[in-house]
Every structure is written in structure tokens, then in C-alpha cells.
Amino acid sequence: MECSRRDTVKLLVASTAAFVGGTGMAASLKHNRPNSKWAGVQVGLNVPYSFGTRTAMSAEEVLRRTVELGISAVELRLQPIEISMGLPRELVLGPAPSDYSAVYYPLGDAPAVIPPAPGRTVLTPADIATYQAGAAPRREWRVRQSMHAAQALRRKYAAAGVKIDIVKIDGISDLEGDELDYAFRLAKTLGARAISGEMLVPAVPRLAAAANRHRFMVALHNHLPITPALWEDAFQYSPYIGANVDLGHFVAGNRTSPIAFIEKHHRRIPHIHVKDKTLDNINVEFGTGDTPIKDVLRLLRDKNWPITAVIEYELKLPVTADRTAEVRKAIEFCHNCLIS
């Protein structure tokens, strides 16, 4: 799908109309451009994940929906980028088997097939086979790419007033050699400050070596088993290894606030994931759980740290629910935390 300058103007006009008389953030869209930087804190959105998909949208469709929400920075996943760059659709897949290993067995001791458990999402042997079958042709496609399509995509986002702040790489622990270099070149071309991916401890030395070579940050994302000590061990490999601190996962996994860790390592944190969870690892509406969202956002505000607060909306909603409206509530919550 192409997004011309005329289309971009239409998107911006539509986004302004959507906010007038709505969430109270219409003033943030000065000059018909989205602006989600409030009180010095850039609030962003993990996309298209927050829209309920990883693989069903092009980067242009993601941009349209982002502008409609008034968001001016994104953590953009690799799948929509590569769709817009022309990767065959049959090679556009969701999380890699290594991502599931990182979620549940970050030390690298996962069984070949992760067993089911309450609350656990797992891949079937058929899913794994499909991913493995696509690995070689996907790699061949990637290493042949020039960055012309990525440059054009960056221009589209910039024209709409949205910064591609972080590029999220599913399957990052599998990448090696030219394919790993492609991920760094792509993120740089798109204007990102970092790439992010799931933390699988055995892959850290290889990622650190590539990060050193490219002089570019890799922000390792946490799920429940990740402790501050595991991040601190990873930091020793490179000054370009950082943390993508997921507030909800941190609270549910470590049963404590992430504030002390953020204060200690803020220079290693390009972005956080903002979601609300209970101590029992239940996703809940923003402001109703045990995650200190307000305290963390105000910490970033008061310290003036350049850490993007990326909303990662993952509540399971009824099929009849208006997901856009629910995401807008989360944005409004963050806005109010920062300006009050």
C-alpha cells in the first residue's frame, strides 16, 4: 500500500478530528501533527502489536493508525517493515521458536518442544517446522536488500510526524553474520536509536559483538524470569547492550518495583514497556494493577532522562470491543500521569 503526501495530509486531518472533543489531548496535535511528548517524556506505542497483530499490517497501515491516535514515536516491529519492503507474505511470521525459549527459558535450557502450562503460549511441532523452513529463504532475501525501501519508509513516517524510535526484531537470537548486520543497517536507516529483542542469555555475546561493530544499542526485553542480575551480567559484554524494561513483567517476575533498577541503569535503557499487571501476572487496565506506572513516568519526567515510554497494549479483549478506544484510554492515562 502506498502512502503519498496527499494521503498523509488526509491522515493528519482525520487524526485531528478524532481528538476534538474526545480524549482531551487535541492540543497535542498542533499544526495537524501528532505529538505524544508530554512534560518532556516521549510516549510511544509498540506497533502493530498494540493493534492486536504482528503480521497482518504493512508499515503504511501501522502509520495510519498511529497518526489517528496522536502518537509521535513508535517501537516498530520488523514484520510490517519487511512487508512494505516486499518480503513474500509466506515468509512473514510471528515470534521465532527462540523467542518462546527466551520467554520461558532465558538461560538457554529450553526443551525442543516447550511443554504447555497455565497461561503459557507455545508453538506446536508444525509451527516450529514452518518457521525453520522459512529461515533460509528469509535470510537470503534479507542479505540481498538495499536500503532504498527503508529510506522511503523513513521519509513517510517523518512526513507524518512519527519517529521510528526503536525497531523490534523477533527472532533476534537466531541472527548471525550478514543477516544480523542487516538488522543493524535497517534500524540505522530507519532512524532508530536502538533495536530490541527477547533476552536469551547464550545469544548475548554474539549480539554484543555486533553491537560493538555497529556502535548501536541492543535493548534486551524481559519476561518474568529475567532478573536485574541477568541484565547486569549482559551489560558487561558491551556498552551497547541495554535493557528494554517491561514494567509489568518486572513487577510480576521480581515482585518488586523496577524503579531502583531504572535509577541505577538509566543510561542503559533507551525505552521501557508500559503496561499494568498484578503481582499474579494478570494484565489489567492501566492504573488498576500493581505496576507503578505513574511513579515511573514521573521519574522519567523529573529526571529528564531520554527514555521513551512505549505503551505495549496486550489486554485480551472481547471480539466486539473497540481496541482503538481501549488503546486510547491507555494513552490518556499516561498523558494524565505526566501533566498532573
Protein backbone atom coordinates (compact mmCIF):
# COMPACT_ATOMS: atom_id res chain seq x y z
CA MET A 1 0.00 0.00 0.00
CA GLU A 2 1.44 3.36 -0.99
CA CYS A 3 1.13 6.42 1.23
CA SER A 4 1.53 9.64 -0.73
CA ARG A 5 1.95 13.10 0.73
CA ARG A 6 -1.72 13.74 -0.10
CA ASP A 7 -2.65 10.57 1.84
CA THR A 8 -0.51 11.74 4.74
CA VAL A 9 -2.32 15.08 4.89
CA LYS A 10 -5.65 13.24 4.94
CA LEU A 11 -4.43 11.08 7.81
CA LEU A 12 -3.36 14.09 9.83
CA VAL A 13 -6.65 15.91 9.27
CA ALA A 14 -8.56 12.80 10.29
CA SER A 15 -6.48 12.39 13.42
CA THR A 16 -7.18 15.95 14.48
CA ALA A 17 -10.93 15.48 14.01
CA ALA A 18 -10.82 12.29 16.05
CA PHE A 19 -9.34 14.11 19.02
CA VAL A 20 -11.53 17.21 19.09
CA GLY A 21 -13.98 16.87 21.97
CA GLY A 22 -12.57 13.42 22.70
CA THR A 23 -9.70 12.50 24.95
CA GLY A 24 -8.59 15.99 25.94
CA MET A 25 -5.29 15.70 24.07
CA ALA A 26 -6.32 17.61 20.95
CA ALA A 27 -3.95 20.40 21.96
CA SER A 28 -1.08 17.96 21.49
CA LEU A 29 -1.76 17.86 17.74
CA LYS A 30 -0.51 21.33 16.93
CA HIS A 31 -0.22 22.10 13.24
CA ASN A 32 -2.03 18.84 12.40
CA ARG A 33 0.87 16.69 13.51
CA PRO A 34 0.79 14.05 16.25
CA ASN A 35 2.62 14.90 19.44
CA SER A 36 2.82 12.46 22.33
CA LYS A 37 5.76 14.07 24.11
CA TRP A 38 4.37 15.42 27.34
CA ALA A 39 6.27 17.19 30.12
CA GLY A 40 9.48 16.21 28.36
CA VAL A 41 8.68 12.48 28.23
CA GLN A 42 8.22 10.85 24.84
CA VAL A 43 5.34 8.40 25.00
CA GLY A 44 5.27 5.86 22.19
CA LEU A 45 3.46 2.73 21.11
CA ASN A 46 4.63 -0.81 20.35
CA VAL A 47 3.16 -1.42 16.89
CA PRO A 48 1.45 -3.25 15.38
CA TYR A 49 1.42 -5.47 18.49
CA SER A 50 -0.73 -2.96 20.38
CA PHE A 51 -3.22 -3.18 17.50
CA GLY A 52 -3.57 -6.91 18.12
CA THR A 53 -1.28 -8.33 15.44
CA ARG A 54 2.33 -8.77 14.42
CA THR A 55 2.00 -9.88 10.82
CA ALA A 56 -1.25 -8.53 9.33
CA MET A 57 -0.31 -4.90 8.63
CA SER A 58 2.09 -3.08 6.36
CA ALA A 59 4.16 -0.26 7.81
CA GLU A 60 1.89 2.20 5.99
CA GLU A 61 -1.23 0.82 7.67
CA VAL A 62 0.58 0.96 11.02
CA LEU A 63 1.45 4.59 10.33
CA ARG A 64 -2.15 5.47 9.53
CA ARG A 65 -3.42 4.00 12.78
CA THR A 66 -0.59 5.53 14.80
CA VAL A 67 -1.34 9.02 13.50
CA GLU A 68 -5.03 8.56 14.26
CA LEU A 69 -4.07 8.01 17.90
CA GLY A 70 -1.88 11.11 18.01
CA ILE A 71 1.28 9.12 18.77
CA SER A 72 4.56 10.62 17.55
CA ALA A 73 7.06 7.78 18.28
CA VAL A 74 6.90 4.03 17.82
CA GLU A 75 8.68 0.81 18.54
CA LEU A 76 8.07 -0.66 15.11
CA ARG A 77 8.28 -4.40 14.67
CA LEU A 78 10.23 -5.95 11.82
CA GLN A 79 7.25 -7.71 10.21
CA PRO A 80 5.40 -4.62 8.92
CA ILE A 81 8.68 -3.08 7.81
CA GLU A 82 9.56 -6.12 5.73
CA ILE A 83 6.03 -6.40 4.34
CA SER A 84 6.42 -2.87 2.99
CA MET A 85 9.89 -3.72 1.67
CA GLY A 86 8.47 -6.64 -0.31
CA LEU A 87 9.19 -9.75 1.74
CA PRO A 88 6.90 -12.53 0.42
CA ARG A 89 3.94 -12.90 2.75
CA GLU A 90 4.56 -16.60 3.36
CA LEU A 91 7.88 -15.65 4.96
CA VAL A 92 6.32 -13.06 7.30
CA LEU A 93 5.91 -14.97 10.55
CA GLY A 94 5.35 -14.16 14.20
CA PRO A 95 7.72 -14.81 17.09
CA ALA A 96 10.52 -17.30 16.46
CA PRO A 97 10.87 -20.51 18.48
CA SER A 98 13.89 -18.85 20.10
CA ASP A 99 11.62 -16.03 21.32
CA TYR A 100 9.43 -18.54 23.14
CA SER A 101 12.56 -20.09 24.62
CA ALA A 102 13.66 -16.65 25.80
CA VAL A 103 10.29 -16.02 27.42
CA TYR A 104 10.24 -19.23 29.47
CA TYR A 105 13.86 -20.48 29.49
CA PRO A 106 16.13 -17.44 29.05
CA LEU A 107 19.22 -19.33 30.19
CA GLY A 108 19.03 -21.42 27.03
CA ASP A 109 17.93 -24.68 28.62
CA ALA A 110 14.57 -24.99 26.82
CA PRO A 111 13.42 -28.41 25.63
CA ALA A 112 12.99 -28.94 21.89
CA VAL A 113 9.23 -28.53 22.31
CA ILE A 114 8.18 -26.26 25.17
CA PRO A 115 5.53 -28.03 27.23
CA PRO A 116 2.15 -26.39 27.80
CA ALA A 117 1.43 -24.80 31.17
CA PRO A 118 -1.25 -22.50 32.61
CA GLY A 119 -1.03 -19.10 30.94
CA ARG A 120 1.71 -20.26 28.56
CA THR A 121 1.60 -19.78 24.79
CA VAL A 122 3.56 -22.47 22.98
CA LEU A 123 4.38 -23.50 19.43
CA THR A 124 3.43 -26.86 18.03
CA PRO A 125 5.99 -29.01 16.17
CA ALA A 126 4.25 -27.94 12.95
CA ASP A 127 4.68 -24.26 13.87
CA ILE A 128 8.37 -24.83 14.52
CA ALA A 129 8.80 -26.67 11.22
CA THR A 130 7.13 -23.81 9.33
CA TYR A 131 9.44 -21.27 10.92
CA GLN A 132 12.53 -23.36 10.24
CA ALA A 133 11.51 -23.92 6.61
CA GLY A 134 11.31 -20.17 6.08
CA ALA A 135 14.61 -19.34 7.76
CA ALA A 136 16.90 -19.86 4.76
CA PRO A 137 14.79 -18.05 2.11
CA ARG A 138 14.10 -15.23 4.58
CA ARG A 139 17.82 -14.84 5.24
CA GLU A 140 18.60 -14.87 1.50
CA TRP A 141 16.01 -12.16 0.91
CA ARG A 142 17.34 -10.01 3.73
CA VAL A 143 21.00 -10.06 2.79
CA ARG A 144 20.13 -9.03 -0.80
CA GLN A 145 18.28 -5.90 0.26
CA SER A 146 19.48 -2.41 -0.42
CA MET A 147 18.17 0.17 1.99
CA HIS A 148 16.25 2.21 -0.61
CA ALA A 149 12.83 0.95 0.53
CA ALA A 150 13.72 1.59 4.16
CA GLN A 151 14.81 5.13 3.31
CA ALA A 152 11.47 5.75 1.62
CA LEU A 153 9.65 4.34 4.64
CA ARG A 154 11.56 6.62 6.99
CA ARG A 155 10.54 9.60 4.86
CA LYS A 156 6.87 8.60 5.02
CA TYR A 157 6.96 8.38 8.80
CA ALA A 158 8.86 11.65 9.13
CA ALA A 159 6.38 13.42 6.82
CA ALA A 160 3.55 12.23 9.07
CA GLY A 161 5.32 13.38 12.24
CA VAL A 162 6.10 9.92 13.63
CA LYS A 163 9.60 8.87 14.67
CA ILE A 164 10.65 5.24 14.32
CA ASP A 165 12.40 5.24 17.69
CA ILE A 166 13.08 1.51 18.18
CA VAL A 167 12.98 -1.45 15.79
CA LYS A 168 11.79 -4.69 17.42
CA ILE A 169 13.40 -7.82 15.95
CA ASP A 170 11.55 -11.06 16.56
CA GLY A 171 13.98 -13.97 16.41
CA ILE A 172 16.98 -11.74 17.13
CA SER A 173 18.78 -14.56 18.95
CA ASP A 174 18.85 -16.62 15.73
CA LEU A 175 20.52 -13.96 13.60
CA GLU A 176 24.16 -14.29 12.65
CA GLY A 177 26.65 -12.81 10.21
CA ASP A 178 25.21 -10.85 7.29
CA GLU A 179 21.63 -11.33 8.49
CA LEU A 180 22.44 -9.79 11.88
CA ASP A 181 24.28 -6.94 10.16
CA TYR A 182 21.15 -6.40 8.05
CA ALA A 183 19.11 -5.83 11.22
CA PHE A 184 21.50 -3.12 12.39
CA ARG A 185 21.72 -1.47 8.95
CA LEU A 186 17.94 -1.46 8.68
CA ALA A 187 17.41 0.12 12.10
CA LYS A 188 20.00 2.79 11.41
CA THR A 189 18.47 3.57 8.03
CA LEU A 190 15.03 3.95 9.62
CA GLY A 191 16.45 6.48 12.10
CA ALA A 192 16.01 4.32 15.19
CA ARG A 193 18.03 4.72 18.37
CA ALA A 194 18.15 1.00 19.15
CA ILE A 195 16.99 -2.44 18.20
CA SER A 196 15.17 -4.58 20.73
CA GLY A 197 14.53 -8.26 21.17
CA GLU A 198 13.91 -11.01 23.67
CA MET A 199 16.76 -11.77 26.06
CA LEU A 200 18.24 -15.24 25.51
CA VAL A 201 21.41 -15.38 27.56
CA PRO A 202 23.53 -17.60 25.26
CA ALA A 203 22.99 -15.14 22.38
CA VAL A 204 24.22 -12.10 24.33
CA PRO A 205 27.93 -12.38 23.40
CA ARG A 206 27.11 -12.56 19.68
CA LEU A 207 24.70 -9.62 19.92
CA ALA A 208 27.25 -7.64 21.92
CA ALA A 209 29.94 -8.20 19.32
CA ALA A 210 27.63 -6.97 16.56
CA ALA A 211 26.51 -4.00 18.69
CA ASN A 212 30.17 -3.05 19.21
CA ARG A 213 30.86 -3.37 15.49
CA HIS A 214 27.92 -1.14 14.57
CA ARG A 215 28.17 1.12 17.64
CA PHE A 216 24.45 0.73 18.11
CA MET A 217 22.31 -0.16 21.11
CA VAL A 218 20.60 -3.52 21.57
CA ALA A 219 17.87 -3.30 24.21
CA LEU A 220 17.12 -6.72 25.72
CA HIS A 221 13.50 -7.24 26.70
CA ASN A 222 12.46 -9.02 29.88
CA HIS A 223 9.79 -11.54 30.65
CA LEU A 224 9.12 -12.98 34.08
CA PRO A 225 12.37 -14.99 34.56
CA ILE A 226 14.68 -12.03 33.83
CA THR A 227 16.28 -10.60 36.95
CA PRO A 228 18.36 -7.45 37.39
CA ALA A 229 21.42 -9.69 37.80
CA LEU A 230 20.93 -11.24 34.35
CA TRP A 231 20.78 -7.80 32.75
CA GLU A 232 23.83 -6.65 34.69
CA ASP A 233 25.78 -9.70 33.53
CA ALA A 234 24.81 -8.87 29.94
CA PHE A 235 25.91 -5.25 30.35
CA GLN A 236 29.47 -6.42 30.95
CA TYR A 237 29.78 -7.61 27.36
CA SER A 238 29.35 -4.22 25.73
CA PRO A 239 28.43 -0.61 26.44
CA TYR A 240 25.89 -1.08 23.64
CA ILE A 241 23.93 -3.78 25.44
CA GLY A 242 20.96 -2.20 27.17
CA ALA A 243 17.63 -3.05 28.74
CA ASN A 244 14.10 -2.67 27.44
CA VAL A 245 12.48 -2.74 30.87
CA ASP A 246 8.95 -4.08 30.71
CA LEU A 247 7.36 -2.60 33.82
CA GLY A 248 4.59 -5.18 34.13
CA HIS A 249 6.83 -8.20 33.58
CA PHE A 250 9.39 -6.80 36.02
CA VAL A 251 6.81 -6.41 38.76
CA ALA A 252 5.21 -9.82 38.21
CA GLY A 253 8.53 -11.63 37.81
CA ASN A 254 10.57 -9.97 40.53
CA ARG A 255 7.67 -8.99 42.79
CA THR A 256 9.14 -5.56 43.36
CA SER A 257 9.18 -2.13 41.76
CA PRO A 258 11.52 -1.53 38.79
CA ILE A 259 12.32 1.99 39.97
CA ALA A 260 15.61 1.15 41.72
CA PHE A 261 16.87 -0.69 38.64
CA ILE A 262 15.86 2.17 36.34
CA GLU A 263 17.56 4.71 38.58
CA LYS A 264 20.77 2.66 38.66
CA HIS A 265 20.92 1.84 34.95
CA HIS A 266 19.01 4.63 33.20
CA ARG A 267 21.87 5.21 30.76
CA ARG A 268 21.38 1.65 29.50
CA ILE A 269 17.63 1.99 28.98
CA PRO A 270 16.52 3.52 25.66
CA HIS A 271 12.89 2.62 26.30
CA ILE A 272 10.52 0.96 28.72
CA HIS A 273 7.35 -1.00 28.06
CA VAL A 274 4.37 0.44 29.84
CA LYS A 275 1.63 -1.98 30.82
CA ASP A 276 -0.19 -2.75 34.04
CA LYS A 277 -0.02 -6.16 35.69
CA THR A 278 -0.84 -7.55 39.09
CA LEU A 279 1.73 -9.37 41.18
CA ASP A 280 -0.03 -12.54 39.99
CA ASN A 281 0.87 -11.72 36.37
CA ILE A 282 -2.60 -10.68 35.27
CA ASN A 283 -2.86 -7.94 32.65
CA VAL A 284 -5.29 -5.25 33.78
CA GLU A 285 -6.42 -1.80 32.71
CA PHE A 286 -3.86 0.92 33.26
CA GLY A 287 -3.99 2.27 36.79
CA THR A 288 -5.73 -0.76 38.35
CA GLY A 289 -2.83 -3.17 38.91
CA ASP A 290 0.36 -3.37 40.97
CA THR A 291 2.69 -1.78 38.40
CA PRO A 292 3.89 1.71 39.44
CA ILE A 293 3.26 3.30 36.06
CA LYS A 294 2.61 6.77 37.43
CA ASP A 295 5.73 6.74 39.62
CA VAL A 296 7.95 5.58 36.77
CA LEU A 297 6.60 8.11 34.29
CA ARG A 298 7.07 10.92 36.77
CA LEU A 299 10.60 9.69 37.49
CA LEU A 300 11.44 9.98 33.79
CA ARG A 301 9.83 13.42 33.74
CA ASP A 302 11.57 14.74 36.83
CA LYS A 303 14.99 13.34 35.90
CA ASN A 304 14.66 14.40 32.26
CA TRP A 305 16.10 11.07 31.09
CA PRO A 306 15.81 10.32 27.34
CA ILE A 307 13.87 7.10 27.92
CA THR A 308 10.86 6.55 25.68
CA ALA A 309 7.79 5.24 27.48
CA VAL A 310 6.40 2.73 24.97
CA ILE A 311 2.87 1.56 25.63
CA GLU A 312 2.57 -2.15 24.93
CA TYR A 313 -1.13 -2.84 24.97
CA GLU A 314 -1.81 -6.55 25.37
CA LEU A 315 -5.07 -6.92 27.25
CA LYS A 316 -7.22 -9.65 25.76
CA LEU A 317 -10.43 -8.00 24.65
CA PRO A 318 -13.77 -9.42 23.51
CA VAL A 319 -14.07 -9.65 19.75
CA THR A 320 -16.77 -6.97 19.90
CA ALA A 321 -14.55 -4.49 21.77
CA ASP A 322 -13.21 -1.33 20.15
CA ARG A 323 -9.47 -1.90 20.54
CA THR A 324 -8.59 1.57 19.31
CA ALA A 325 -10.74 3.12 22.01
CA GLU A 326 -9.11 0.95 24.66
CA VAL A 327 -5.60 1.85 23.48
CA ARG A 328 -6.65 5.50 23.55
CA LYS A 329 -7.59 5.10 27.23
CA ALA A 330 -4.09 3.81 27.99
CA ILE A 331 -2.56 6.77 26.16
CA GLU A 332 -4.77 9.17 28.08
CA PHE A 333 -3.75 7.54 31.36
CA CYS A 334 -0.06 8.11 30.60
CA HIS A 335 -0.76 11.67 29.47
CA ASN A 336 -2.56 12.46 32.73
CA CYS A 337 0.22 10.92 34.83
CA LEU A 338 2.74 13.24 33.24
CA ILE A 339 0.85 16.54 33.23
CA SER A 340 -0.66 16.33 36.70
